[in-house]
Amino acid sequence: MPHTLWTSKEIAEATGGNANGKWSVKGISIDSREVQAGDLFVALKDQRDGHDFIPKAVELGASGCLVSQENMDVANVCVDDTLKGLEKLGLAARARSKAIHAAITGSVGKTSAKEMIAQIFRSKGKAHWNVKSFNNHFGVPLTLARMPRDTKRAIFEIGMNTPGEIGPRSDMVRPQIAIVTKIAGAHLEGMGTIEAVADEKSDIFSGLEVNGVAVLPREDAFFDYMKARAFDLQPKAQLLSFGGKESGADACLLTFEADGDVSRGTADILGEVVAFEVNAIGAHWGMNAVLAILVGRLSGLTAQEAADGLKGYVPPAGRGGAQKLKLPVGEITLLDDSYNANPESMRAGLAALGQRKGRKIAVLGEMRELGRDAQQLHADLKEPLLAAGVSEVYLAGEGMLPLRNCFSDQKNEPRIFWASTAKELLLMVNKSLIFGDVVLIKGSNASGIGEIAKTLKNQAVEPEERNDQMSTMKIGGA
């Protein structure tokens, strides 16, 4: 049975609230639909008021609730503001923890690298990490507050959309290891310039503990800038870097080769050469692995122990993992990288597609939040598509028109198909697929492109199941 996470007395003391009785919880939820027996349900006020869902949470087995309305007829701790109460609970969890804490951010790769680090941490003791991409104003304190007392190692993902978001969350986590994966053109609509992105991402070092380690990508154009920012924010930091074989980094990727759906590589980690293996294809996975192994080494493992912990790693859902689907036309390989997209991750996804055997199909949704250069950034995807040897390209959304208009009907170019919505595009994709195709699906969440991946997966189940599931599918918000 899980140990007690918090007692009502501890919650009240941490949040400054008032508890109505003695009770305890084993977990925490902010979504009434996901409440497990023994949870604390935090009634946040966001687009909807969480207090309206307290009866549902209690019905599902919540042991108590964090509320901001008095005289409620449920076990609760009442505070002035439930989000601030959750933040205080997270700070209390951090204060009582003796674990090694790492925090990670970056324009690309942070969720995938976080999952790699979490897998390494789990291989050698009690570990804790953000589930899904809980990396924002409620996700970080929630992840902290969920951290068990006996955690040995923890990794926290910290994200942003606008200035001023990362620093306060780093201050909450107070990591001994703080990491930036890479600076790229993401969230430019909210940030304005890539220089502003680099500045905001560097705020991950705001909460870095004295004598903690700052980890940076050695080949990044903003390496020197971020190095200076790291020492400004934590003068007693140790700085380490990761990069390619010729980068001069402290952790270097030496080799990385694909073999079917598995890639094997070697890396030099602080002078120790190790071998590793991951169930993923694409050069960016090799660099993510080097970073993860370095963090494992910094957490107290040997480099080879950390490398061994990666064996069997599979990308998170929607992050580019390969899946064989048996469709009516025959078996295809689906590369579902539909969780999100920016120019850098698009290039990486297309390069990974180019390494696969079979007819290559790219199904791309428009990239959002790119600001004033959005049209050019979409058009710039032409060269990566050509380099990958893509046979057919399916584009969804008005934002993809600049890319469509870059192509002509020349023999050395792929066939181009465009639709205003992912729902319309699905019909075109379905008509085109043949046995042996390798299909990359990638785009921003708001493009709806992920629904094409879901529908293809549903079409691959048994017929009697498929009919039920397809009747409830919603494409592109329809």
Protein backbone atom coordinates (compact mmCIF):
# COMPACT_ATOMS: atom_id res chain seq x y z
CA MET A 1 0.00 0.00 0.00
CA PRO A 2 1.26 3.55 -0.73
CA HIS A 3 2.62 5.50 2.22
CA THR A 4 0.83 8.58 3.52
CA LEU A 5 1.78 11.59 1.39
CA TRP A 6 0.23 14.27 3.60
CA THR A 7 -1.90 14.41 6.73
CA SER A 8 -4.60 17.05 7.09
CA LYS A 9 -2.50 18.69 9.83
CA GLU A 10 0.56 18.88 7.55
CA ILE A 11 -1.51 20.32 4.71
CA ALA A 12 -2.97 22.97 7.00
CA GLU A 13 0.45 23.89 8.39
CA ALA A 14 2.02 24.09 4.93
CA THR A 15 -0.76 26.17 3.37
CA GLY A 16 -1.79 28.28 6.35
CA GLY A 17 -5.30 26.90 6.04
CA ASN A 18 -7.80 25.35 8.43
CA ALA A 19 -8.47 21.60 8.50
CA ASN A 20 -11.87 20.18 9.52
CA GLY A 21 -10.76 16.94 11.12
CA LYS A 22 -7.95 14.42 10.98
CA TRP A 23 -7.41 12.57 7.72
CA SER A 24 -4.60 11.77 5.31
CA VAL A 25 -4.01 11.43 1.56
CA LYS A 26 -1.87 9.20 -0.64
CA GLY A 27 -1.88 11.33 -3.79
CA ILE A 28 -3.04 14.65 -5.26
CA SER A 29 -5.29 15.46 -8.22
CA ILE A 30 -6.48 18.70 -9.81
CA ASP A 31 -8.82 16.93 -12.26
CA SER A 32 -11.92 15.32 -10.76
CA ARG A 33 -11.99 12.79 -13.61
CA GLU A 34 -8.57 11.46 -12.62
CA VAL A 35 -9.09 11.22 -8.85
CA GLN A 36 -7.87 7.98 -7.30
CA ALA A 37 -9.00 6.56 -3.95
CA GLY A 38 -7.11 8.35 -1.18
CA ASP A 39 -6.31 11.50 -3.16
CA LEU A 40 -6.39 15.14 -2.13
CA PHE A 41 -8.52 17.00 -4.68
CA VAL A 42 -7.36 20.58 -5.21
CA ALA A 43 -10.29 22.76 -6.31
CA LEU A 44 -8.48 25.20 -8.62
CA LYS A 45 -10.26 28.10 -10.26
CA ASP A 46 -9.25 28.35 -13.90
CA GLN A 47 -11.54 28.18 -16.93
CA ARG A 48 -13.96 26.40 -14.60
CA ASP A 49 -14.31 26.41 -10.83
CA GLY A 50 -12.97 23.20 -9.32
CA HIS A 51 -15.38 23.52 -6.41
CA ASP A 52 -18.18 22.49 -8.78
CA PHE A 53 -16.51 19.09 -9.18
CA ILE A 54 -15.95 18.26 -5.51
CA PRO A 55 -18.94 15.85 -5.37
CA LYS A 56 -17.47 13.90 -8.31
CA ALA A 57 -14.03 13.80 -6.65
CA VAL A 58 -15.51 12.51 -3.40
CA GLU A 59 -17.56 9.93 -5.29
CA LEU A 60 -14.32 8.61 -6.84
CA GLY A 61 -12.70 8.28 -3.44
CA ALA A 62 -10.97 11.55 -2.59
CA SER A 63 -10.01 11.54 1.09
CA GLY A 64 -10.04 15.32 1.34
CA CYS A 65 -10.12 18.55 -0.64
CA LEU A 66 -8.17 21.80 -0.72
CA VAL A 67 -10.82 24.49 -1.00
CA SER A 68 -11.35 28.24 -0.72
CA GLN A 69 -15.02 28.12 0.26
CA GLU A 70 -15.88 27.74 3.94
CA ASN A 71 -18.42 25.44 5.59
CA MET A 72 -18.22 22.73 2.95
CA ASP A 73 -19.63 19.37 3.98
CA VAL A 74 -16.53 17.37 2.98
CA ALA A 75 -13.18 16.67 4.60
CA ASN A 76 -11.12 19.70 3.63
CA VAL A 77 -8.44 22.26 4.31
CA CYS A 78 -9.74 25.76 3.57
CA VAL A 79 -7.37 28.43 2.26
CA ASP A 80 -7.77 31.89 0.73
CA ASP A 81 -6.53 30.79 -2.71
CA THR A 82 -6.22 27.15 -3.78
CA LEU A 83 -3.45 27.75 -6.37
CA LYS A 84 -1.34 29.58 -3.79
CA GLY A 85 -2.16 26.80 -1.36
CA LEU A 86 -0.90 24.23 -3.87
CA GLU A 87 2.28 26.27 -4.34
CA LYS A 88 2.87 26.35 -0.58
CA LEU A 89 2.30 22.61 -0.38
CA GLY A 90 4.87 22.14 -3.13
CA LEU A 91 7.38 24.28 -1.26
CA ALA A 92 6.79 22.21 1.87
CA ALA A 93 7.45 19.02 -0.10
CA ARG A 94 10.71 20.48 -1.36
CA ALA A 95 11.73 21.59 2.13
CA ARG A 96 11.28 18.12 3.63
CA SER A 97 12.94 16.32 0.71
CA LYS A 98 16.48 14.93 0.83
CA ALA A 99 16.41 13.86 -2.82
CA ILE A 100 18.68 15.03 -5.61
CA HIS A 101 16.59 17.43 -7.69
CA ALA A 102 17.17 18.21 -11.35
CA ALA A 103 15.26 20.76 -13.43
CA ILE A 104 15.16 20.88 -17.23
CA THR A 105 13.96 23.35 -19.86
CA GLY A 106 14.66 24.14 -23.50
CA SER A 107 12.95 24.95 -26.78
CA VAL A 108 13.06 21.34 -27.96
CA GLY A 109 13.66 17.95 -26.38
CA LYS A 110 12.87 18.78 -22.77
CA THR A 111 10.01 16.30 -22.34
CA SER A 112 11.84 13.49 -24.12
CA ALA A 113 15.07 14.12 -22.19
CA LYS A 114 13.07 14.37 -18.96
CA GLU A 115 11.54 10.97 -19.60
CA MET A 116 14.99 9.51 -20.32
CA ILE A 117 16.35 10.95 -17.09
CA ALA A 118 13.34 9.67 -15.17
CA GLN A 119 13.90 6.16 -16.55
CA ILE A 120 17.55 6.28 -15.48
CA PHE A 121 16.56 7.55 -12.02
CA ARG A 122 13.96 4.78 -11.65
CA SER A 123 16.56 2.15 -12.46
CA LYS A 124 18.42 2.95 -9.25
CA GLY A 125 15.89 3.77 -6.56
CA LYS A 126 12.77 5.75 -5.72
CA ALA A 127 12.32 8.42 -8.39
CA HIS A 128 9.86 11.23 -9.03
CA TRP A 129 9.07 13.25 -12.18
CA ASN A 130 6.41 15.32 -13.97
CA VAL A 131 3.74 13.15 -15.51
CA LYS A 132 2.65 14.21 -19.00
CA SER A 133 3.97 17.76 -19.54
CA PHE A 134 3.00 19.23 -16.20
CA ASN A 135 5.53 22.04 -16.49
CA ASN A 136 3.53 25.24 -16.02
CA HIS A 137 2.15 27.42 -13.21
CA PHE A 138 0.10 24.58 -11.72
CA GLY A 139 2.06 21.59 -13.05
CA VAL A 140 5.34 22.37 -11.26
CA PRO A 141 3.85 22.93 -7.77
CA LEU A 142 1.57 19.92 -8.29
CA THR A 143 4.55 17.71 -9.15
CA LEU A 144 6.45 18.99 -6.12
CA ALA A 145 3.48 18.44 -3.81
CA ARG A 146 3.11 14.87 -5.10
CA MET A 147 6.73 14.01 -4.31
CA PRO A 148 6.92 11.13 -1.76
CA ARG A 149 9.03 11.64 1.35
CA ASP A 150 11.43 8.82 0.46
CA THR A 151 12.26 10.01 -3.08
CA LYS A 152 15.95 9.57 -3.94
CA ARG A 153 16.11 11.40 -7.27
CA ALA A 154 13.64 13.76 -8.97
CA ILE A 155 13.50 15.49 -12.36
CA PHE A 156 11.24 18.48 -13.01
CA GLU A 157 10.36 19.85 -16.45
CA ILE A 158 9.81 23.62 -16.57
CA GLY A 159 8.21 25.31 -19.57
CA MET A 160 7.03 28.74 -20.63
CA ASN A 161 5.03 30.69 -23.21
CA THR A 162 5.70 34.27 -22.09
CA PRO A 163 8.45 36.11 -20.16
CA GLY A 164 8.86 35.64 -16.42
CA GLU A 165 7.59 32.06 -16.08
CA ILE A 166 10.70 29.93 -15.61
CA GLY A 167 12.53 31.76 -12.82
CA PRO A 168 9.78 31.46 -10.16
CA ARG A 169 9.32 27.75 -10.89
CA SER A 170 13.05 27.11 -10.67
CA ASP A 171 13.03 28.94 -7.34
CA MET A 172 10.38 26.47 -6.16
CA VAL A 173 12.28 23.36 -7.30
CA ARG A 174 15.70 24.57 -6.08
CA PRO A 175 17.56 22.04 -8.23
CA GLN A 176 21.08 20.78 -7.62
CA ILE A 177 21.26 20.13 -11.39
CA ALA A 178 19.73 22.59 -13.89
CA ILE A 179 19.64 21.87 -17.63
CA VAL A 180 18.90 23.67 -20.90
CA THR A 181 18.46 21.30 -23.86
CA LYS A 182 18.60 23.80 -26.74
CA ILE A 183 17.52 27.27 -27.81
CA ALA A 184 15.33 27.38 -30.93
CA GLY A 185 12.52 29.38 -32.49
CA ALA A 186 9.63 28.32 -30.27
CA HIS A 187 7.05 30.60 -28.59
CA LEU A 188 8.28 33.57 -30.62
CA GLU A 189 4.78 35.04 -30.65
CA GLY A 190 4.88 35.43 -26.87
CA MET A 191 8.62 36.10 -26.51
CA GLY A 192 9.29 38.32 -29.54
CA THR A 193 12.84 37.21 -30.40
CA ILE A 194 15.01 34.13 -30.07
CA GLU A 195 17.32 36.20 -27.85
CA ALA A 196 14.41 36.67 -25.46
CA VAL A 197 13.84 32.90 -25.53
CA ALA A 198 17.48 32.33 -24.55
CA ASP A 199 17.17 34.84 -21.74
CA GLU A 200 14.01 33.24 -20.36
CA LYS A 201 15.36 29.69 -20.64
CA SER A 202 18.51 30.76 -18.77
CA ASP A 203 16.31 31.61 -15.79
CA ILE A 204 16.33 27.86 -15.03
CA PHE A 205 19.53 28.71 -13.13
CA SER A 206 17.65 31.15 -10.86
CA GLY A 207 16.91 28.47 -8.27
CA LEU A 208 20.13 26.47 -8.69
CA GLU A 209 21.53 25.47 -5.31
CA VAL A 210 24.95 26.71 -4.19
CA ASN A 211 27.63 24.51 -5.81
CA GLY A 212 24.98 23.04 -8.08
CA VAL A 213 25.67 22.04 -11.70
CA ALA A 214 24.50 24.00 -14.73
CA VAL A 215 24.31 21.83 -17.89
CA LEU A 216 24.32 23.50 -21.32
CA PRO A 217 24.40 22.42 -25.01
CA ARG A 218 27.99 23.17 -26.08
CA GLU A 219 27.18 23.69 -29.78
CA ASP A 220 24.26 26.04 -29.19
CA ALA A 221 24.63 29.55 -30.62
CA PHE A 222 23.67 30.93 -27.20
CA PHE A 223 26.13 28.80 -25.18
CA ASP A 224 28.38 31.70 -24.11
CA TYR A 225 25.39 33.88 -23.27
CA MET A 226 23.73 31.20 -21.17
CA LYS A 227 27.03 30.39 -19.46
CA ALA A 228 27.35 34.02 -18.36
CA ARG A 229 23.72 34.07 -17.20
CA ALA A 230 24.25 30.88 -15.20
CA PHE A 231 27.12 32.43 -13.25
CA ASP A 232 25.18 35.67 -12.80
CA LEU A 233 22.32 33.77 -11.22
CA GLN A 234 24.47 31.29 -9.24
CA PRO A 235 28.10 32.47 -8.92
CA LYS A 236 29.14 29.21 -7.24
CA ALA A 237 27.74 26.97 -9.97
CA GLN A 238 29.77 24.28 -11.70
CA LEU A 239 29.25 24.33 -15.46
CA LEU A 240 29.23 21.24 -17.68
CA SER A 241 28.26 20.81 -21.32
CA PHE A 242 27.12 18.13 -23.77
CA GLY A 243 27.51 17.94 -27.53
CA GLY A 244 28.89 16.14 -30.56
CA LYS A 245 32.18 14.32 -30.94
CA GLU A 246 34.17 17.39 -32.02
CA SER A 247 32.43 19.88 -29.72
CA GLY A 248 34.88 19.74 -26.84
CA ALA A 249 31.97 19.18 -24.47
CA ASP A 250 32.25 17.37 -21.12
CA ALA A 251 29.81 14.74 -22.40
CA CYS A 252 30.11 13.85 -26.09
CA LEU A 253 28.17 11.62 -28.48
CA LEU A 254 30.77 9.43 -30.20
CA THR A 255 28.65 7.12 -32.35
CA PHE A 256 24.94 6.60 -32.96
CA GLU A 257 23.52 4.18 -35.53
CA ALA A 258 20.05 2.83 -36.25
CA ASP A 259 19.29 -0.88 -36.53
CA GLY A 260 15.62 -1.42 -37.34
CA ASP A 261 13.62 0.36 -34.64
CA VAL A 262 16.58 0.43 -32.22
CA SER A 263 19.54 2.80 -32.13
CA ARG A 264 22.86 2.02 -30.45
CA GLY A 265 25.51 4.50 -29.53
CA THR A 266 28.60 5.28 -27.52
CA ALA A 267 29.36 8.38 -25.50
CA ASP A 268 32.21 9.92 -23.55
CA ILE A 269 30.80 11.01 -20.20
CA LEU A 270 33.33 13.00 -18.18
CA GLY A 271 36.11 10.83 -19.56
CA GLU A 272 34.34 7.46 -19.29
CA VAL A 273 33.26 5.82 -22.56
CA VAL A 274 29.92 4.00 -22.31
CA ALA A 275 27.57 2.14 -24.65
CA PHE A 276 23.81 2.71 -24.70
CA GLU A 277 20.69 1.64 -26.57
CA VAL A 278 17.28 3.26 -27.15
CA ASN A 279 14.18 2.23 -29.09
CA ALA A 280 14.13 5.41 -31.18
CA ILE A 281 15.48 6.60 -34.54
CA GLY A 282 16.97 10.03 -35.27
CA ALA A 283 20.16 11.91 -34.42
CA HIS A 284 18.38 14.05 -31.81
CA TRP A 285 17.72 10.92 -29.72
CA GLY A 286 21.45 10.30 -29.50
CA MET A 287 22.05 13.78 -28.09
CA ASN A 288 19.13 13.42 -25.68
CA ALA A 289 20.67 10.16 -24.47
CA VAL A 290 24.07 11.78 -23.84
CA LEU A 291 22.39 14.51 -21.80
CA ALA A 292 20.36 11.98 -19.80
CA ILE A 293 23.40 9.80 -19.06
CA LEU A 294 25.35 12.87 -17.92
CA VAL A 295 22.55 13.83 -15.52
CA GLY A 296 22.43 10.26 -14.23
CA ARG A 297 26.17 10.44 -13.61
CA LEU A 298 25.75 13.74 -11.74
CA SER A 299 23.02 12.17 -9.59
CA GLY A 300 25.46 9.66 -8.11
CA LEU A 301 25.37 6.78 -10.60
CA THR A 302 28.32 5.60 -12.63
CA ALA A 303 28.13 6.60 -16.28
CA GLN A 304 27.61 2.99 -17.35
CA GLU A 305 24.87 2.46 -14.74
CA ALA A 306 23.10 5.50 -16.19
CA ALA A 307 23.61 4.23 -19.75
CA ASP A 308 22.28 0.79 -18.82
CA GLY A 309 19.20 2.44 -17.32
CA LEU A 310 18.23 3.72 -20.78
CA LYS A 311 17.83 0.25 -22.30
CA GLY A 312 14.33 -0.24 -23.65
CA TYR A 313 13.55 3.49 -23.67
CA VAL A 314 10.60 4.32 -25.94
CA PRO A 315 9.60 7.93 -26.76
CA PRO A 316 6.53 9.27 -24.94
CA ALA A 317 3.20 9.23 -26.77
CA GLY A 318 3.13 11.76 -29.59
CA ARG A 319 6.90 12.32 -29.47
CA GLY A 320 8.06 10.37 -32.51
CA GLY A 321 7.94 6.76 -31.41
CA ALA A 322 7.47 4.12 -34.13
CA GLN A 323 4.38 1.91 -34.19
CA LYS A 324 3.49 -0.83 -36.68
CA LEU A 325 -0.14 -0.57 -37.78
CA LYS A 326 -1.99 -3.28 -39.69
CA LEU A 327 -4.43 -1.37 -41.86
CA PRO A 328 -6.71 -2.74 -44.61
CA VAL A 329 -4.01 -1.81 -47.16
CA GLY A 330 -1.37 -3.71 -45.18
CA GLU A 331 1.19 -2.87 -42.52
CA ILE A 332 2.57 0.66 -42.25
CA THR A 333 4.96 2.31 -39.78
CA LEU A 334 3.49 5.30 -37.96
CA LEU A 335 5.82 7.92 -36.48
CA ASP A 336 3.47 9.80 -34.19
CA ASP A 337 5.25 13.07 -33.37
CA SER A 338 2.04 15.05 -33.14
CA TYR A 339 2.30 16.41 -29.61
CA ASN A 340 3.80 19.71 -30.72
CA ALA A 341 6.05 21.34 -33.29
CA ASN A 342 8.43 24.21 -33.94
CA PRO A 343 10.94 24.66 -36.80
CA GLU A 344 13.75 22.86 -34.97
CA SER A 345 11.69 19.84 -33.96
CA MET A 346 10.17 19.68 -37.45
CA ARG A 347 13.64 19.40 -38.96
CA ALA A 348 14.61 16.71 -36.47
CA GLY A 349 11.43 14.73 -37.15
CA LEU A 350 11.92 14.90 -40.91
CA ALA A 351 15.56 13.85 -40.59
CA ALA A 352 14.44 10.82 -38.55
CA LEU A 353 11.85 10.00 -41.21
CA GLY A 354 14.62 10.09 -43.81
CA GLN A 355 16.48 7.31 -41.99
CA ARG A 356 13.58 4.88 -42.33
CA LYS A 357 13.17 2.28 -45.08
CA GLY A 358 10.04 2.43 -47.20
CA ARG A 359 7.97 5.06 -49.01
CA LYS A 360 8.10 8.17 -46.85
CA ILE A 361 4.94 10.17 -46.16
CA ALA A 362 4.92 13.45 -44.19
CA VAL A 363 1.62 14.63 -42.68
CA LEU A 364 2.26 18.08 -41.22
CA GLY A 365 0.09 20.54 -39.33
CA GLU A 366 0.90 24.21 -39.13
CA MET A 367 3.27 25.47 -36.41
CA ARG A 368 1.78 28.01 -34.01
CA GLU A 369 3.23 30.87 -31.91
CA LEU A 370 6.01 31.70 -34.40
CA GLY A 371 5.36 35.44 -34.56
CA ARG A 372 6.14 37.73 -37.52
CA ASP A 373 8.45 35.25 -39.30
CA ALA A 374 5.88 32.44 -39.34
CA GLN A 375 5.45 32.38 -43.13
CA GLN A 376 9.18 32.09 -43.83
CA LEU A 377 9.70 29.51 -41.07
CA HIS A 378 7.04 27.31 -42.67
CA ALA A 379 8.50 27.77 -46.15
CA ASP A 380 11.95 26.82 -44.83
CA LEU A 381 10.73 23.25 -44.29
CA LYS A 382 11.08 22.56 -48.03
CA GLU A 383 14.77 21.67 -47.83
CA PRO A 384 14.39 19.21 -44.89
CA LEU A 385 11.54 17.53 -46.81
CA LEU A 386 13.69 17.13 -49.91
CA ALA A 387 16.67 15.91 -47.88
CA ALA A 388 14.49 13.26 -46.21
CA GLY A 389 13.43 11.83 -49.57
CA VAL A 390 9.71 12.25 -48.84
CA SER A 391 7.40 10.97 -51.59
CA GLU A 392 4.18 12.66 -50.54
CA VAL A 393 3.51 15.64 -48.25
CA TYR A 394 0.13 16.34 -46.67
CA LEU A 395 -0.29 19.82 -45.16
CA ALA A 396 -3.06 21.11 -42.88
CA GLY A 397 -3.93 24.71 -42.08
CA GLU A 398 -3.55 28.21 -43.52
CA GLY A 399 -0.10 28.47 -41.95
CA MET A 400 1.16 25.72 -44.28
CA LEU A 401 0.28 27.60 -47.49
CA PRO A 402 3.76 29.23 -47.75
CA LEU A 403 5.31 25.75 -47.75
CA ARG A 404 2.84 24.42 -50.30
CA ASN A 405 3.58 27.35 -52.59
CA CYS A 406 7.32 26.56 -52.55
CA PHE A 407 6.77 23.39 -54.55
CA SER A 408 6.06 22.84 -58.23
CA ASP A 409 5.35 19.68 -60.23
CA GLN A 410 9.00 18.89 -60.92
CA LYS A 411 9.94 15.20 -60.96
CA ASN A 412 12.50 15.56 -58.16
CA GLU A 413 9.91 17.01 -55.79
CA PRO A 414 7.28 15.20 -53.68
CA ARG A 415 3.58 15.31 -54.44
CA ILE A 416 1.94 18.01 -52.30
CA PHE A 417 -1.58 17.92 -50.87
CA TRP A 418 -3.15 20.68 -48.77
CA ALA A 419 -6.38 21.09 -46.80
CA SER A 420 -7.61 23.81 -44.48
CA THR A 421 -8.24 21.34 -41.64
CA ALA A 422 -6.85 18.05 -40.39
CA LYS A 423 -10.29 16.49 -40.82
CA GLU A 424 -10.24 17.18 -44.57
CA LEU A 425 -6.63 16.02 -44.83
CA LEU A 426 -7.43 12.67 -43.23
CA LEU A 427 -9.51 11.64 -46.23
CA MET A 428 -6.58 12.34 -48.59
CA VAL A 429 -4.10 10.43 -46.41
CA ASN A 430 -6.37 7.39 -46.14
CA LYS A 431 -6.73 7.15 -49.92
CA SER A 432 -2.97 7.29 -50.47
CA LEU A 433 -1.51 4.80 -47.99
CA ILE A 434 -0.06 1.53 -49.25
CA PHE A 435 1.74 -1.42 -47.70
CA GLY A 436 5.19 -0.54 -46.33
CA ASP A 437 4.64 3.21 -45.98
CA VAL A 438 6.42 5.13 -43.23
CA VAL A 439 4.17 7.98 -42.09
CA LEU A 440 5.37 10.92 -40.00
CA ILE A 441 2.59 12.96 -38.36
CA LYS A 442 3.73 16.22 -36.79
CA GLY A 443 2.32 19.68 -36.02
CA SER A 444 1.29 22.00 -33.24
CA ASN A 445 -1.43 20.75 -30.89
CA ALA A 446 -3.86 23.41 -32.07
CA SER A 447 -3.54 22.25 -35.68
CA GLY A 448 -5.53 19.10 -34.86
CA ILE A 449 -3.02 16.94 -36.70
CA GLY A 450 -2.82 14.53 -33.77
CA GLU A 451 -6.35 13.35 -34.53
CA ILE A 452 -5.10 11.84 -37.79
CA ALA A 453 -2.65 9.70 -35.80
CA LYS A 454 -5.43 8.65 -33.42
CA THR A 455 -7.74 7.73 -36.27
CA LEU A 456 -5.10 5.65 -38.04
CA LYS A 457 -4.45 3.78 -34.80
CA ASN A 458 -8.16 3.14 -34.37
CA GLN A 459 -8.41 1.82 -37.91
CA ALA A 460 -5.80 -0.79 -37.01
CA VAL A 461 -7.82 -2.47 -34.25
CA GLU A 462 -10.11 -5.45 -34.73
CA PRO A 463 -13.17 -4.68 -36.92
CA GLU A 464 -15.76 -5.18 -34.17
CA GLU A 465 -13.82 -2.76 -31.95
CA ARG A 466 -13.12 -0.30 -34.75
CA ASN A 467 -16.79 0.33 -35.51
CA ASP A 468 -17.52 1.36 -31.94
CA GLN A 469 -14.45 3.55 -31.61
CA MET A 470 -14.76 5.30 -34.95
CA SER A 471 -18.33 6.33 -34.18
CA THR A 472 -17.11 8.44 -31.27
CA MET A 473 -14.02 9.98 -32.96
CA LYS A 474 -13.86 13.76 -33.28
CA ILE A 475 -11.54 15.20 -35.88
CA GLY A 476 -10.22 18.77 -35.75
CA GLY A 477 -12.67 19.88 -33.08
CA ALA A 478 -15.70 18.74 -35.03
